[in-house]
C-alpha cells in the first residue's frame, strides 16, 4: 500500500527568527521601563512638593 502524501500545513504568518523575537522583546521591555521611570519621576516630584508644603506649616 502506498501512503497518501499529506500536505504540509501553511504557516499563518512568516516565521520570525530568534534574533528578531529577542529584539522585539527587548524593545517592549525598554518601552515599559521608560513609562515606569516617567511615572516614578512624577510620583517623586509630587512627594517632594508635599514635603515642602508640610515643612512650611
N, C-alpha and C. Protein backbone atom coordinates (compact mmCIF):
# COMPACT_ATOMS: atom_id res chain seq x y z
N UNK A 1 0.83 -1.18 0.00
CA UNK A 1 0.00 0.00 0.00
C UNK A 1 0.87 1.25 0.00
N UNK A 2 0.50 2.17 -0.79
CA UNK A 2 1.22 3.44 -0.85
C UNK A 2 0.56 4.41 0.11
N UNK A 3 1.40 5.15 0.83
CA UNK A 3 0.86 6.14 1.76
C UNK A 3 0.47 7.38 0.98
N UNK A 4 -0.61 7.97 1.36
CA UNK A 4 -1.06 9.22 0.73
C UNK A 4 -0.21 10.36 1.30
N UNK A 5 0.32 11.17 0.44
CA UNK A 5 1.14 12.30 0.88
C UNK A 5 0.22 13.38 1.44
N UNK A 6 0.42 13.68 2.71
CA UNK A 6 -0.41 14.73 3.32
C UNK A 6 0.29 16.07 3.11
N UNK A 7 -0.46 17.08 2.74
CA UNK A 7 0.15 18.38 2.50
C UNK A 7 0.62 18.99 3.82
N UNK A 8 1.72 19.72 3.75
CA UNK A 8 2.23 20.40 4.95
C UNK A 8 1.32 21.59 5.25
N UNK A 9 1.04 21.83 6.51
CA UNK A 9 0.20 22.99 6.84
C UNK A 9 0.95 24.28 6.52
N UNK A 10 0.24 25.21 5.95
CA UNK A 10 0.82 26.51 5.61
C UNK A 10 0.92 27.36 6.88
N UNK A 11 2.05 28.02 7.10
CA UNK A 11 2.12 28.91 8.27
C UNK A 11 1.19 30.09 8.08
N UNK A 12 0.59 30.52 9.17
CA UNK A 12 -0.35 31.63 9.09
C UNK A 12 0.37 32.96 8.92
N UNK A 13 1.62 33.01 9.30
CA UNK A 13 2.42 34.22 9.14
C UNK A 13 3.86 33.80 8.90
N UNK A 14 4.65 34.70 8.45
CA UNK A 14 6.04 34.35 8.20
C UNK A 14 6.74 34.13 9.54
N UNK A 15 7.50 33.09 9.64
CA UNK A 15 8.17 32.81 10.92
C UNK A 15 9.26 33.84 11.19
N UNK A 16 9.35 34.25 12.43
CA UNK A 16 10.36 35.22 12.83
C UNK A 16 11.59 34.48 13.33
N UNK A 17 12.73 35.02 13.06
CA UNK A 17 13.94 34.41 13.56
C UNK A 17 14.04 34.68 15.06
N UNK A 18 14.84 33.89 15.72
CA UNK A 18 15.01 34.03 17.16
C UNK A 18 15.55 35.42 17.51
N UNK A 19 16.48 35.93 16.70
CA UNK A 19 17.04 37.26 16.95
C UNK A 19 15.98 38.34 16.84
N UNK A 20 15.08 38.21 15.88
CA UNK A 20 14.01 39.20 15.73
C UNK A 20 13.08 39.17 16.93
N UNK A 21 12.80 38.00 17.43
CA UNK A 21 11.94 37.87 18.61
C UNK A 21 12.62 38.50 19.82
N UNK A 22 13.91 38.23 20.00
CA UNK A 22 14.65 38.82 21.11
C UNK A 22 14.67 40.33 21.02
N UNK A 23 14.88 40.87 19.82
CA UNK A 23 14.88 42.33 19.65
C UNK A 23 13.52 42.92 19.98
N UNK A 24 12.46 42.24 19.57
CA UNK A 24 11.12 42.74 19.84
C UNK A 24 10.85 42.75 21.34
N UNK A 25 11.24 41.70 22.02
CA UNK A 25 11.05 41.63 23.48
C UNK A 25 11.86 42.72 24.17
N UNK A 26 13.10 42.92 23.73
CA UNK A 26 13.94 43.96 24.33
C UNK A 26 13.34 45.33 24.12
N UNK A 27 12.80 45.59 22.93
CA UNK A 27 12.18 46.88 22.64
C UNK A 27 10.98 47.12 23.54
N UNK A 28 10.14 46.08 23.70
CA UNK A 28 8.96 46.24 24.57
C UNK A 28 9.38 46.46 26.01
N UNK A 29 10.43 45.77 26.46
CA UNK A 29 10.91 45.96 27.83
C UNK A 29 11.41 47.39 28.03
N UNK A 30 12.16 47.91 27.06
CA UNK A 30 12.66 49.28 27.16
C UNK A 30 11.51 50.27 27.23
N UNK A 31 10.49 50.06 26.41
CA UNK A 31 9.34 50.96 26.42
C UNK A 31 8.62 50.94 27.77
N UNK A 32 8.43 49.74 28.32
CA UNK A 32 7.73 49.66 29.61
C UNK A 32 8.58 50.26 30.72
N UNK A 33 9.90 50.09 30.66
CA UNK A 33 10.77 50.69 31.67
C UNK A 33 10.75 52.21 31.57
N UNK A 34 10.67 52.72 30.35
CA UNK A 34 10.61 54.17 30.15
C UNK A 34 9.34 54.74 30.78
N UNK A 35 8.22 54.07 30.55
CA UNK A 35 6.95 54.51 31.13
C UNK A 35 7.02 54.46 32.65
N UNK A 36 7.62 53.40 33.18
CA UNK A 36 7.73 53.27 34.64
C UNK A 36 8.62 54.36 35.22
N UNK A 37 9.72 54.70 34.54
CA UNK A 37 10.60 55.78 35.01
C UNK A 37 9.86 57.11 35.03
N UNK A 38 9.06 57.37 33.99
CA UNK A 38 8.30 58.63 33.94
C UNK A 38 7.29 58.69 35.08
N UNK A 39 6.61 57.60 35.32
CA UNK A 39 5.61 57.58 36.41
C UNK A 39 6.29 57.76 37.76
N UNK A 40 7.45 57.13 37.93
CA UNK A 40 8.19 57.26 39.19
C UNK A 40 8.65 58.71 39.39
N UNK A 41 9.11 59.36 38.32
CA UNK A 41 9.55 60.75 38.42
C UNK A 41 8.40 61.65 38.84
N UNK A 42 7.23 61.42 38.29
CA UNK A 42 6.05 62.22 38.65
C UNK A 42 5.70 62.01 40.12
N UNK A 43 5.69 60.76 40.56
CA UNK A 43 5.39 60.47 41.97
C UNK A 43 6.40 61.14 42.90
N UNK A 44 7.68 61.08 42.53
CA UNK A 44 8.71 61.67 43.39
C UNK A 44 8.57 63.19 43.45
N UNK A 45 8.24 63.84 42.32
CA UNK A 45 8.03 65.29 42.34
C UNK A 45 6.86 65.65 43.23
N UNK A 46 5.78 64.89 43.15
CA UNK A 46 4.61 65.16 43.99
C UNK A 46 4.96 64.96 45.46
N UNK A 47 5.73 63.94 45.77
CA UNK A 47 6.12 63.68 47.16
C UNK A 47 6.99 64.82 47.69
N UNK A 48 7.92 65.29 46.89
CA UNK A 48 8.77 66.41 47.31
C UNK A 48 7.92 67.65 47.54
N UNK A 49 6.97 67.92 46.67
CA UNK A 49 6.10 69.08 46.84
C UNK A 49 5.28 68.96 48.13
N UNK A 50 4.77 67.76 48.42
CA UNK A 50 4.01 67.56 49.67
C UNK A 50 4.89 67.81 50.88
N UNK A 51 6.11 67.32 50.85
CA UNK A 51 7.01 67.52 52.00
C UNK A 51 7.33 68.99 52.19
N UNK A 52 7.54 69.71 51.11
CA UNK A 52 7.84 71.15 51.23
C UNK A 52 6.66 71.90 51.82
N UNK A 53 5.44 71.56 51.36
CA UNK A 53 4.25 72.22 51.93
C UNK A 53 4.12 71.89 53.40
N UNK A 54 4.40 70.65 53.78
CA UNK A 54 4.30 70.23 55.18
C UNK A 54 5.31 70.97 56.04
N UNK A 55 6.53 71.14 55.52
CA UNK A 55 7.57 71.82 56.28
C UNK A 55 7.27 73.30 56.47
N UNK A 56 6.51 73.88 55.56
CA UNK A 56 6.18 75.31 55.67
C UNK A 56 5.11 75.57 56.71
N UNK A 57 4.39 74.55 57.12
CA UNK A 57 3.32 74.75 58.12
C UNK A 57 3.85 74.99 59.48
